[in-house]
Amino acid sequence: MKSFGSKPWILPQPVLIIGTYDKEGKANAMNAAWGGQWDMHEIMISLGSHQTTENLTANPEFTVTFATADTLVAADYVGITSGRNTPDKMERTGWTIEKAPNVNAPVFKDFPMTMECRVKEKIDESETGYYLVAEIVNILCHEEYLGEDGNPDVESMDLITYDPIHHTYIRLGTTEGKAFSDGKEIK
């Protein structure tokens, strides 16, 4: 095996789009890869210093959605463009934006599923950022992405993952097995 030392290569990495309002109520979005489920009703995201972190200081509510193959270009754009320097950042994405029903944050309607969240804790906060722990208040999903069982159908969403090794996005594939079930074959 070849050794690479310590790298931020946990795989797969989500492509999370975080939606916030600034203190004037203007929508902003950023792309974040370093996040995941923290507990049954909480998520964690590692955030640097961004317009988003400023917005979360003024208003501790936000949305998180998951980038798809269709939203890839604009999702990457909100990750490489600062809301601090580009006043028309959101207009350039072409996304349809509306206020979330349960938190004071924007919903980007171009994405299949959105989590409405509220900041619970900021860990190791400094001028360079912090680890954000947030409560999941509600999950919204477009009906066209619901399966026969009435729950979100992740496979139909055409989600992408970030490849931190090659700095690319990879489309997630098809269902290959059943969790908490297929391993029983070995018992």
N, C-alpha and C. Protein backbone atom coordinates (compact mmCIF):
# COMPACT_ATOMS: atom_id res chain seq x y z
N MET A 1 0.83 -1.19 0.00
CA MET A 1 0.00 0.00 0.00
C MET A 1 0.87 1.25 0.00
N LYS A 2 0.44 2.26 -0.71
CA LYS A 2 1.13 3.54 -0.74
C LYS A 2 0.65 4.40 0.42
N SER A 3 1.56 5.09 1.09
CA SER A 3 1.22 5.96 2.23
C SER A 3 1.11 7.41 1.77
N PHE A 4 0.06 8.11 2.25
CA PHE A 4 -0.16 9.51 1.87
C PHE A 4 -0.10 10.46 3.05
N GLY A 5 0.12 9.98 4.25
CA GLY A 5 0.12 10.86 5.41
C GLY A 5 -1.31 11.29 5.74
N SER A 6 -1.43 12.33 6.53
CA SER A 6 -2.74 12.82 6.96
C SER A 6 -3.34 13.76 5.92
N LYS A 7 -4.54 13.44 5.46
CA LYS A 7 -5.26 14.24 4.46
C LYS A 7 -6.74 14.26 4.83
N PRO A 8 -7.50 15.27 4.39
CA PRO A 8 -8.94 15.32 4.65
C PRO A 8 -9.71 14.50 3.62
N TRP A 9 -9.51 13.19 3.65
CA TRP A 9 -10.02 12.32 2.61
C TRP A 9 -11.11 11.36 3.08
N ILE A 10 -11.93 11.73 4.02
CA ILE A 10 -13.04 10.86 4.39
C ILE A 10 -14.00 10.80 3.20
N LEU A 11 -14.42 9.61 2.83
CA LEU A 11 -15.24 9.45 1.63
C LEU A 11 -16.53 8.70 1.94
N PRO A 12 -17.62 8.99 1.27
CA PRO A 12 -17.82 10.16 0.41
C PRO A 12 -18.06 11.42 1.24
N GLN A 13 -17.80 12.56 0.65
CA GLN A 13 -18.06 13.83 1.31
C GLN A 13 -19.29 14.47 0.68
N PRO A 14 -20.22 14.93 1.51
CA PRO A 14 -21.42 15.56 0.95
C PRO A 14 -21.10 16.90 0.31
N VAL A 15 -21.95 17.33 -0.57
CA VAL A 15 -21.88 18.68 -1.11
C VAL A 15 -23.09 19.40 -0.53
N LEU A 16 -22.86 20.08 0.58
CA LEU A 16 -23.92 20.74 1.34
C LEU A 16 -24.01 22.20 0.92
N ILE A 17 -25.22 22.66 0.66
CA ILE A 17 -25.45 24.06 0.36
C ILE A 17 -26.18 24.64 1.57
N ILE A 18 -25.53 25.61 2.22
CA ILE A 18 -26.06 26.21 3.44
C ILE A 18 -26.69 27.54 3.07
N GLY A 19 -27.96 27.70 3.43
CA GLY A 19 -28.69 28.92 3.12
C GLY A 19 -28.93 29.75 4.37
N THR A 20 -28.59 31.04 4.31
CA THR A 20 -28.80 31.95 5.42
C THR A 20 -29.33 33.28 4.90
N TYR A 21 -29.84 34.08 5.84
CA TYR A 21 -30.18 35.47 5.55
C TYR A 21 -29.18 36.36 6.27
N ASP A 22 -28.79 37.47 5.63
CA ASP A 22 -27.97 38.44 6.33
C ASP A 22 -28.88 39.31 7.21
N LYS A 23 -28.31 40.28 7.91
CA LYS A 23 -29.12 41.08 8.86
C LYS A 23 -30.16 41.94 8.17
N GLU A 24 -30.03 42.16 6.85
CA GLU A 24 -31.05 42.89 6.09
C GLU A 24 -32.10 41.94 5.47
N GLY A 25 -31.93 40.64 5.67
CA GLY A 25 -32.87 39.68 5.12
C GLY A 25 -32.56 39.21 3.71
N LYS A 26 -31.33 39.47 3.24
CA LYS A 26 -30.91 39.04 1.91
C LYS A 26 -30.37 37.62 1.97
N ALA A 27 -30.83 36.76 1.05
CA ALA A 27 -30.42 35.36 1.02
C ALA A 27 -28.96 35.22 0.59
N ASN A 28 -28.30 34.22 1.17
CA ASN A 28 -26.94 33.87 0.80
C ASN A 28 -26.83 32.35 0.85
N ALA A 29 -25.89 31.81 0.10
CA ALA A 29 -25.62 30.37 0.12
C ALA A 29 -24.13 30.14 0.03
N MET A 30 -23.68 29.05 0.67
CA MET A 30 -22.30 28.62 0.54
C MET A 30 -22.26 27.11 0.37
N ASN A 31 -21.20 26.62 -0.19
CA ASN A 31 -20.97 25.20 -0.40
C ASN A 31 -20.03 24.72 0.71
N ALA A 32 -20.39 23.65 1.40
CA ALA A 32 -19.54 23.09 2.45
C ALA A 32 -19.50 21.57 2.30
N ALA A 33 -18.33 20.98 2.44
CA ALA A 33 -18.19 19.53 2.32
C ALA A 33 -17.98 18.85 3.66
N TRP A 34 -17.45 19.55 4.62
CA TRP A 34 -17.09 18.89 5.87
C TRP A 34 -18.24 18.93 6.86
N GLY A 35 -19.18 18.02 6.69
CA GLY A 35 -20.33 17.96 7.57
C GLY A 35 -20.97 16.59 7.55
N GLY A 36 -21.86 16.38 8.49
CA GLY A 36 -22.56 15.11 8.53
C GLY A 36 -23.52 15.04 9.70
N GLN A 37 -24.12 13.88 9.87
CA GLN A 37 -25.05 13.65 10.96
C GLN A 37 -24.28 13.62 12.28
N TRP A 38 -24.78 14.35 13.28
CA TRP A 38 -24.13 14.43 14.59
C TRP A 38 -24.84 13.52 15.58
N ASP A 39 -26.15 13.48 15.50
CA ASP A 39 -26.99 12.70 16.39
C ASP A 39 -28.31 12.46 15.65
N MET A 40 -29.27 11.84 16.29
CA MET A 40 -30.54 11.54 15.62
C MET A 40 -31.22 12.79 15.03
N HIS A 41 -31.13 13.91 15.72
CA HIS A 41 -31.83 15.12 15.28
C HIS A 41 -30.89 16.30 15.13
N GLU A 42 -29.60 16.03 14.91
CA GLU A 42 -28.61 17.10 14.81
C GLU A 42 -27.61 16.80 13.70
N ILE A 43 -27.07 17.88 13.13
CA ILE A 43 -26.00 17.78 12.15
C ILE A 43 -24.80 18.58 12.65
N MET A 44 -23.63 18.34 12.05
CA MET A 44 -22.42 19.09 12.37
C MET A 44 -21.78 19.51 11.05
N ILE A 45 -21.31 20.76 11.02
CA ILE A 45 -20.63 21.27 9.83
C ILE A 45 -19.41 22.05 10.30
N SER A 46 -18.27 21.83 9.67
CA SER A 46 -17.06 22.60 9.93
C SER A 46 -17.09 23.82 9.02
N LEU A 47 -17.08 25.01 9.63
CA LEU A 47 -17.18 26.25 8.87
C LEU A 47 -15.96 27.14 9.09
N GLY A 48 -15.43 27.66 8.02
CA GLY A 48 -14.41 28.70 8.11
C GLY A 48 -15.11 30.04 8.29
N SER A 49 -14.36 31.11 8.18
CA SER A 49 -14.93 32.45 8.29
C SER A 49 -15.49 32.86 6.93
N HIS A 50 -16.81 33.03 6.88
CA HIS A 50 -17.52 33.33 5.63
C HIS A 50 -18.63 34.33 5.91
N GLN A 51 -19.27 34.81 4.84
CA GLN A 51 -20.49 35.59 4.99
C GLN A 51 -21.52 34.76 5.76
N THR A 52 -21.56 33.47 5.51
CA THR A 52 -22.49 32.58 6.21
C THR A 52 -22.28 32.60 7.71
N THR A 53 -21.04 32.58 8.17
CA THR A 53 -20.80 32.60 9.62
C THR A 53 -21.20 33.94 10.22
N GLU A 54 -21.00 35.01 9.47
CA GLU A 54 -21.49 36.33 9.92
C GLU A 54 -23.01 36.31 10.02
N ASN A 55 -23.66 35.75 9.00
CA ASN A 55 -25.11 35.68 9.00
C ASN A 55 -25.64 34.86 10.17
N LEU A 56 -24.97 33.76 10.49
CA LEU A 56 -25.41 32.90 11.59
C LEU A 56 -25.24 33.58 12.95
N THR A 57 -24.34 34.53 13.05
CA THR A 57 -24.21 35.30 14.28
C THR A 57 -25.43 36.21 14.46
N ALA A 58 -25.90 36.79 13.38
CA ALA A 58 -27.07 37.68 13.43
C ALA A 58 -28.37 36.89 13.53
N ASN A 59 -28.42 35.72 12.92
CA ASN A 59 -29.63 34.90 12.88
C ASN A 59 -29.21 33.42 12.90
N PRO A 60 -29.46 32.71 14.00
CA PRO A 60 -28.95 31.35 14.14
C PRO A 60 -29.78 30.27 13.45
N GLU A 61 -30.52 30.63 12.42
CA GLU A 61 -31.31 29.64 11.68
C GLU A 61 -30.84 29.59 10.24
N PHE A 62 -30.89 28.39 9.66
CA PHE A 62 -30.38 28.20 8.30
C PHE A 62 -31.01 26.96 7.68
N THR A 63 -30.76 26.77 6.39
CA THR A 63 -31.17 25.57 5.70
C THR A 63 -29.94 24.86 5.14
N VAL A 64 -30.08 23.56 4.95
CA VAL A 64 -29.04 22.76 4.31
C VAL A 64 -29.72 21.92 3.24
N THR A 65 -29.17 21.97 2.06
CA THR A 65 -29.66 21.13 0.98
C THR A 65 -28.47 20.40 0.38
N PHE A 66 -28.75 19.45 -0.49
CA PHE A 66 -27.72 18.57 -1.01
C PHE A 66 -27.62 18.76 -2.51
N ALA A 67 -26.42 19.07 -2.99
CA ALA A 67 -26.22 19.36 -4.41
C ALA A 67 -26.47 18.13 -5.27
N THR A 68 -26.95 18.39 -6.47
CA THR A 68 -27.27 17.35 -7.43
C THR A 68 -26.49 17.58 -8.72
N ALA A 69 -26.57 16.61 -9.62
CA ALA A 69 -25.93 16.77 -10.92
C ALA A 69 -26.48 18.00 -11.64
N ASP A 70 -27.77 18.25 -11.51
CA ASP A 70 -28.39 19.41 -12.17
C ASP A 70 -27.98 20.75 -11.56
N THR A 71 -27.67 20.76 -10.27
CA THR A 71 -27.33 22.02 -9.59
C THR A 71 -25.82 22.20 -9.43
N LEU A 72 -25.03 21.31 -9.97
CA LEU A 72 -23.58 21.27 -9.76
C LEU A 72 -22.89 22.61 -10.05
N VAL A 73 -23.13 23.20 -11.19
CA VAL A 73 -22.40 24.42 -11.59
C VAL A 73 -22.68 25.55 -10.60
N ALA A 74 -23.94 25.81 -10.31
CA ALA A 74 -24.27 26.89 -9.37
C ALA A 74 -23.85 26.53 -7.95
N ALA A 75 -23.91 25.25 -7.59
CA ALA A 75 -23.47 24.82 -6.26
C ALA A 75 -21.97 25.06 -6.08
N ASP A 76 -21.20 24.79 -7.12
CA ASP A 76 -19.76 25.07 -7.06
C ASP A 76 -19.53 26.58 -7.01
N TYR A 77 -20.30 27.33 -7.78
CA TYR A 77 -20.18 28.79 -7.81
C TYR A 77 -20.35 29.39 -6.42
N VAL A 78 -21.36 28.94 -5.65
CA VAL A 78 -21.57 29.55 -4.33
C VAL A 78 -20.47 29.15 -3.35
N GLY A 79 -19.67 28.15 -3.73
CA GLY A 79 -18.52 27.77 -2.91
C GLY A 79 -17.26 28.56 -3.23
N ILE A 80 -17.18 29.09 -4.44
CA ILE A 80 -15.97 29.82 -4.84
C ILE A 80 -16.18 31.33 -4.89
N THR A 81 -17.41 31.77 -4.61
CA THR A 81 -17.74 33.20 -4.67
C THR A 81 -18.25 33.65 -3.31
N SER A 82 -17.69 34.71 -2.79
CA SER A 82 -18.08 35.23 -1.48
C SER A 82 -19.25 36.20 -1.61
N GLY A 83 -20.22 36.03 -0.73
CA GLY A 83 -21.32 36.98 -0.64
C GLY A 83 -20.86 38.34 -0.15
N ARG A 84 -19.68 38.38 0.50
CA ARG A 84 -19.12 39.65 0.97
C ARG A 84 -18.71 40.54 -0.20
N ASN A 85 -18.27 39.91 -1.30
CA ASN A 85 -17.72 40.66 -2.43
C ASN A 85 -18.61 40.70 -3.66
N THR A 86 -19.63 39.87 -3.70
CA THR A 86 -20.48 39.78 -4.89
C THR A 86 -21.93 39.98 -4.48
N PRO A 87 -22.43 41.21 -4.52
CA PRO A 87 -23.79 41.51 -4.05
C PRO A 87 -24.88 40.74 -4.80
N ASP A 88 -24.65 40.41 -6.07
CA ASP A 88 -25.67 39.70 -6.84
C ASP A 88 -25.37 38.20 -6.96
N LYS A 89 -24.64 37.67 -6.00
CA LYS A 89 -24.26 36.26 -6.00
C LYS A 89 -25.46 35.34 -6.21
N MET A 90 -26.52 35.53 -5.45
CA MET A 90 -27.66 34.62 -5.54
C MET A 90 -28.41 34.78 -6.86
N GLU A 91 -28.50 35.98 -7.36
CA GLU A 91 -29.15 36.19 -8.64
C GLU A 91 -28.42 35.44 -9.76
N ARG A 92 -27.10 35.39 -9.66
CA ARG A 92 -26.29 34.71 -10.68
C ARG A 92 -26.54 33.20 -10.70
N THR A 93 -26.95 32.61 -9.59
CA THR A 93 -27.21 31.17 -9.56
C THR A 93 -28.43 30.79 -10.38
N GLY A 94 -29.39 31.71 -10.48
CA GLY A 94 -30.63 31.41 -11.16
C GLY A 94 -31.60 30.58 -10.31
N TRP A 95 -31.28 30.35 -9.05
CA TRP A 95 -32.13 29.55 -8.18
C TRP A 95 -33.40 30.29 -7.80
N THR A 96 -34.46 29.55 -7.61
CA THR A 96 -35.71 30.07 -7.09
C THR A 96 -35.62 30.01 -5.57
N ILE A 97 -35.83 31.15 -4.91
CA ILE A 97 -35.63 31.24 -3.46
C ILE A 97 -36.93 31.66 -2.80
N GLU A 98 -37.27 30.98 -1.70
CA GLU A 98 -38.41 31.38 -0.88
C GLU A 98 -38.04 31.17 0.58
N LYS A 99 -38.80 31.78 1.48
CA LYS A 99 -38.53 31.64 2.91
C LYS A 99 -38.97 30.27 3.40
N ALA A 100 -38.15 29.67 4.23
CA ALA A 100 -38.48 28.37 4.83
C ALA A 100 -39.71 28.51 5.73
N PRO A 101 -40.54 27.49 5.83
CA PRO A 101 -41.75 27.59 6.64
C PRO A 101 -41.53 27.57 8.15
N ASN A 102 -40.41 26.98 8.61
CA ASN A 102 -40.23 26.79 10.06
C ASN A 102 -39.02 27.49 10.66
N VAL A 103 -38.13 28.02 9.83
CA VAL A 103 -36.97 28.76 10.32
C VAL A 103 -36.82 30.02 9.47
N ASN A 104 -36.09 31.00 9.99
CA ASN A 104 -35.85 32.24 9.27
C ASN A 104 -34.63 32.07 8.36
N ALA A 105 -34.84 31.37 7.25
CA ALA A 105 -33.76 31.06 6.32
C ALA A 105 -34.36 30.78 4.94
N PRO A 106 -33.53 30.90 3.89
CA PRO A 106 -34.04 30.65 2.54
C PRO A 106 -34.08 29.16 2.19
N VAL A 107 -35.07 28.82 1.37
CA VAL A 107 -35.13 27.50 0.73
C VAL A 107 -34.82 27.72 -0.74
N PHE A 108 -33.91 26.92 -1.26
CA PHE A 108 -33.56 26.97 -2.68
C PHE A 108 -34.36 25.86 -3.36
N LYS A 109 -35.40 26.25 -4.06
CA LYS A 109 -36.39 25.30 -4.58
C LYS A 109 -35.86 24.41 -5.70
N ASP A 110 -34.66 24.68 -6.20
CA ASP A 110 -34.10 23.90 -7.28
C ASP A 110 -33.51 22.57 -6.81
N PHE A 111 -33.48 22.36 -5.49
CA PHE A 111 -32.91 21.16 -4.90
C PHE A 111 -34.03 20.24 -4.41
N PRO A 112 -33.83 18.93 -4.45
CA PRO A 112 -34.91 18.01 -4.09
C PRO A 112 -35.29 17.99 -2.61
N MET A 113 -34.32 18.16 -1.72
CA MET A 113 -34.60 18.03 -0.30
C MET A 113 -33.85 19.10 0.50
N THR A 114 -34.50 19.65 1.52
CA THR A 114 -33.91 20.71 2.34
C THR A 114 -34.15 20.42 3.81
N MET A 115 -33.12 20.62 4.62
CA MET A 115 -33.24 20.52 6.07
C MET A 115 -33.33 21.93 6.64
N GLU A 116 -34.33 22.18 7.47
CA GLU A 116 -34.44 23.45 8.19
C GLU A 116 -33.75 23.25 9.53
N CYS A 117 -32.79 24.13 9.85
CA CYS A 117 -31.94 23.92 11.03
C CYS A 117 -31.84 25.16 11.90
N ARG A 118 -31.47 24.91 13.15
CA ARG A 118 -31.26 25.98 14.13
C ARG A 118 -29.95 25.68 14.87
N VAL A 119 -29.09 26.68 14.98
CA VAL A 119 -27.82 26.51 15.67
C VAL A 119 -28.06 26.09 17.11
N LYS A 120 -27.37 25.04 17.52
CA LYS A 120 -27.44 24.57 18.89
C LYS A 120 -26.16 24.93 19.64
N GLU A 121 -25.02 24.79 18.94
CA GLU A 121 -23.73 25.02 19.60
C GLU A 121 -22.66 25.33 18.56
N LYS A 122 -21.75 26.22 18.94
CA LYS A 122 -20.56 26.49 18.14
C LYS A 122 -19.37 26.02 18.97
N ILE A 123 -18.57 25.13 18.40
CA ILE A 123 -17.45 24.53 19.12
C ILE A 123 -16.15 25.12 18.57
N ASP A 124 -15.23 25.44 19.47
CA ASP A 124 -13.91 26.00 19.11
C ASP A 124 -14.03 27.23 18.22
N GLU A 125 -14.93 28.14 18.58
CA GLU A 125 -15.14 29.34 17.79
C GLU A 125 -13.92 30.26 17.88
N SER A 126 -13.47 30.72 16.72
CA SER A 126 -12.35 31.66 16.64
C SER A 126 -12.56 32.54 15.42
N GLU A 127 -11.61 33.43 15.13
CA GLU A 127 -11.74 34.31 13.98
C GLU A 127 -11.65 33.54 12.66
N THR A 128 -11.20 32.28 12.70
CA THR A 128 -11.07 31.49 11.47
C THR A 128 -12.25 30.55 11.25
N GLY A 129 -13.20 30.49 12.19
CA GLY A 129 -14.37 29.64 11.99
C GLY A 129 -14.72 28.83 13.23
N TYR A 130 -15.50 27.77 13.05
CA TYR A 130 -15.93 26.92 14.16
C TYR A 130 -16.61 25.66 13.63
N TYR A 131 -16.87 24.75 14.56
CA TYR A 131 -17.67 23.57 14.26
C TYR A 131 -19.08 23.89 14.72
N LEU A 132 -20.02 23.75 13.82
CA LEU A 132 -21.40 24.09 14.08
C LEU A 132 -22.21 22.82 14.34
N VAL A 133 -22.88 22.78 15.47
CA VAL A 133 -23.83 21.71 15.76
C VAL A 133 -25.20 22.34 15.69
N ALA A 134 -26.10 21.72 14.93
CA ALA A 134 -27.41 22.31 14.72
C ALA A 134 -28.51 21.26 14.85
N GLU A 135 -29.63 21.73 15.37
CA GLU A 135 -30.83 20.91 15.48
C GLU A 135 -31.55 20.89 14.13
N ILE A 136 -31.98 19.72 13.71
CA ILE A 136 -32.82 19.61 12.52
C ILE A 136 -34.25 19.88 12.96
N VAL A 137 -34.81 20.99 12.51
CA VAL A 137 -36.17 21.40 12.89
C VAL A 137 -37.20 20.68 12.02
N ASN A 138 -36.89 20.55 10.73
CA ASN A 138 -37.83 19.95 9.78
C ASN A 138 -37.08 19.58 8.51
N ILE A 139 -37.62 18.65 7.76
CA ILE A 139 -37.07 18.28 6.45
C ILE A 139 -38.18 18.44 5.41
N LEU A 140 -37.85 19.15 4.34
CA LEU A 140 -38.77 19.37 3.22
C LEU A 140 -38.28 18.56 2.02
N CYS A 141 -39.21 17.94 1.29
CA CYS A 141 -38.83 17.20 0.09
C CYS A 141 -39.90 17.39 -0.97
N HIS A 142 -39.46 17.73 -2.19
CA HIS A 142 -40.38 17.84 -3.31
C HIS A 142 -41.06 16.49 -3.52
N GLU A 143 -42.35 16.52 -3.77
CA GLU A 143 -43.12 15.28 -3.92
C GLU A 143 -42.61 14.40 -5.05
N GLU A 144 -42.04 14.99 -6.08
CA GLU A 144 -41.53 14.17 -7.20
C GLU A 144 -40.35 13.29 -6.78
N TYR A 145 -39.77 13.57 -5.61
CA TYR A 145 -38.65 12.77 -5.11
C TYR A 145 -39.06 11.84 -3.97
N LEU A 146 -40.34 11.59 -3.83
CA LEU A 146 -40.82 10.65 -2.83
C LEU A 146 -40.99 9.28 -3.47
N GLY A 147 -40.62 8.25 -2.72
CA GLY A 147 -40.77 6.89 -3.22
C GLY A 147 -42.18 6.37 -2.98
N GLU A 148 -42.39 5.14 -3.37
CA GLU A 148 -43.70 4.51 -3.19
C GLU A 148 -44.11 4.44 -1.72
N ASP A 149 -43.12 4.41 -0.83
CA ASP A 149 -43.41 4.34 0.61
C ASP A 149 -43.71 5.71 1.21
N GLY A 150 -43.66 6.78 0.39
CA GLY A 150 -43.94 8.13 0.86
C GLY A 150 -42.75 8.85 1.46
N ASN A 151 -41.60 8.20 1.54
CA ASN A 151 -40.37 8.80 2.06
C ASN A 151 -39.48 9.27 0.91
N PRO A 152 -38.53 10.18 1.20
CA PRO A 152 -37.61 10.63 0.14
C PRO A 152 -36.88 9.45 -0.50
N ASP A 153 -36.80 9.48 -1.82
CA ASP A 153 -36.10 8.46 -2.60
C ASP A 153 -34.75 9.03 -3.00
N VAL A 154 -33.73 8.73 -2.21
CA VAL A 154 -32.40 9.31 -2.39
C VAL A 154 -31.84 8.99 -3.77
N GLU A 155 -32.07 7.78 -4.25
CA GLU A 155 -31.52 7.39 -5.55
C GLU A 155 -32.04 8.28 -6.68
N SER A 156 -33.29 8.72 -6.61
CA SER A 156 -33.86 9.55 -7.68
C SER A 156 -33.37 11.00 -7.64
N MET A 157 -32.72 11.40 -6.56
CA MET A 157 -32.29 12.79 -6.41
C MET A 157 -31.06 13.15 -7.24
N ASP A 158 -30.31 12.16 -7.71
CA ASP A 158 -29.13 12.40 -8.53
C ASP A 158 -28.08 13.24 -7.77
N LEU A 159 -27.86 12.88 -6.49
CA LEU A 159 -26.93 13.62 -5.63
C LEU A 159 -25.50 13.46 -6.11
N ILE A 160 -24.67 14.44 -5.75
CA ILE A 160 -23.24 14.37 -6.04
C ILE A 160 -22.46 14.36 -4.74
N THR A 161 -21.25 13.86 -4.81
CA THR A 161 -20.33 13.86 -3.69
C THR A 161 -19.04 14.56 -4.13
N TYR A 162 -18.35 15.14 -3.17
CA TYR A 162 -17.09 15.84 -3.45
C TYR A 162 -15.94 14.85 -3.31
N ASP A 163 -15.08 14.80 -4.28
CA ASP A 163 -13.85 13.99 -4.24
C ASP A 163 -12.70 14.91 -3.84
N PRO A 164 -12.29 14.87 -2.55
CA PRO A 164 -11.24 15.78 -2.09
C PRO A 164 -9.85 15.41 -2.61
N ILE A 165 -9.71 14.25 -3.17
CA ILE A 165 -8.41 13.81 -3.68
C ILE A 165 -8.12 14.47 -5.03
N HIS A 166 -9.12 14.46 -5.92
CA HIS A 166 -8.94 15.01 -7.26
C HIS A 166 -9.68 16.33 -7.47
N HIS A 167 -10.37 16.81 -6.44
CA HIS A 167 -11.14 18.05 -6.51
C HIS A 167 -12.16 18.00 -7.65
N THR A 168 -12.97 16.94 -7.60
CA THR A 168 -14.02 16.76 -8.59
C THR A 168 -15.32 16.44 -7.86
N TYR A 169 -16.40 16.41 -8.61
CA TYR A 169 -17.69 15.97 -8.09
C TYR A 169 -18.05 14.66 -8.78
N ILE A 170 -18.58 13.74 -8.03
CA ILE A 170 -18.95 12.43 -8.55
C ILE A 170 -20.44 12.21 -8.29
N ARG A 171 -21.14 11.76 -9.30
CA ARG A 171 -22.57 11.45 -9.17
C ARG A 171 -22.71 10.13 -8.41
N LEU A 172 -23.58 10.14 -7.40
CA LEU A 172 -23.84 8.92 -6.67
C LEU A 172 -24.66 7.97 -7.53
N GLY A 173 -24.48 6.69 -7.31
CA GLY A 173 -25.08 5.69 -8.18
C GLY A 173 -26.35 5.06 -7.68
N THR A 174 -26.46 3.79 -7.91
CA THR A 174 -27.68 3.05 -7.64
C THR A 174 -27.61 2.30 -6.32
N THR A 175 -28.76 1.88 -5.84
CA THR A 175 -28.84 1.07 -4.63
C THR A 175 -28.15 -0.27 -4.88
N GLU A 176 -27.28 -0.64 -3.97
CA GLU A 176 -26.52 -1.88 -4.11
C GLU A 176 -26.84 -2.91 -3.03
N GLY A 177 -27.55 -2.51 -2.00
CA GLY A 177 -27.84 -3.45 -0.93
C GLY A 177 -28.79 -2.85 0.08
N LYS A 178 -29.13 -3.65 1.08
CA LYS A 178 -30.07 -3.24 2.12
C LYS A 178 -29.34 -3.20 3.46
N ALA A 179 -29.26 -1.99 4.06
CA ALA A 179 -28.57 -1.80 5.34
C ALA A 179 -29.31 -2.53 6.46
N PHE A 180 -28.57 -2.99 7.44
CA PHE A 180 -29.10 -3.71 8.60
C PHE A 180 -29.80 -5.00 8.18
N SER A 181 -29.45 -5.51 7.01
CA SER A 181 -30.11 -6.71 6.50
C SER A 181 -29.12 -7.62 5.77
N ASP A 182 -28.42 -7.10 4.77
CA ASP A 182 -27.55 -7.94 3.93
C ASP A 182 -26.45 -8.62 4.73
N GLY A 183 -25.96 -8.01 5.79
CA GLY A 183 -24.91 -8.60 6.61
C GLY A 183 -25.35 -9.85 7.35
N LYS A 184 -26.65 -10.04 7.46
CA LYS A 184 -27.17 -11.22 8.15
C LYS A 184 -26.79 -12.52 7.42
N GLU A 185 -26.40 -12.43 6.16
CA GLU A 185 -25.98 -13.60 5.40
C GLU A 185 -24.77 -14.27 6.03
N ILE A 186 -23.94 -13.49 6.73
CA ILE A 186 -22.71 -14.02 7.31
C ILE A 186 -22.99 -14.73 8.64
N LYS A 187 -24.02 -14.35 9.34
CA LYS A 187 -24.30 -14.91 10.67
C LYS A 187 -24.37 -16.41 10.68
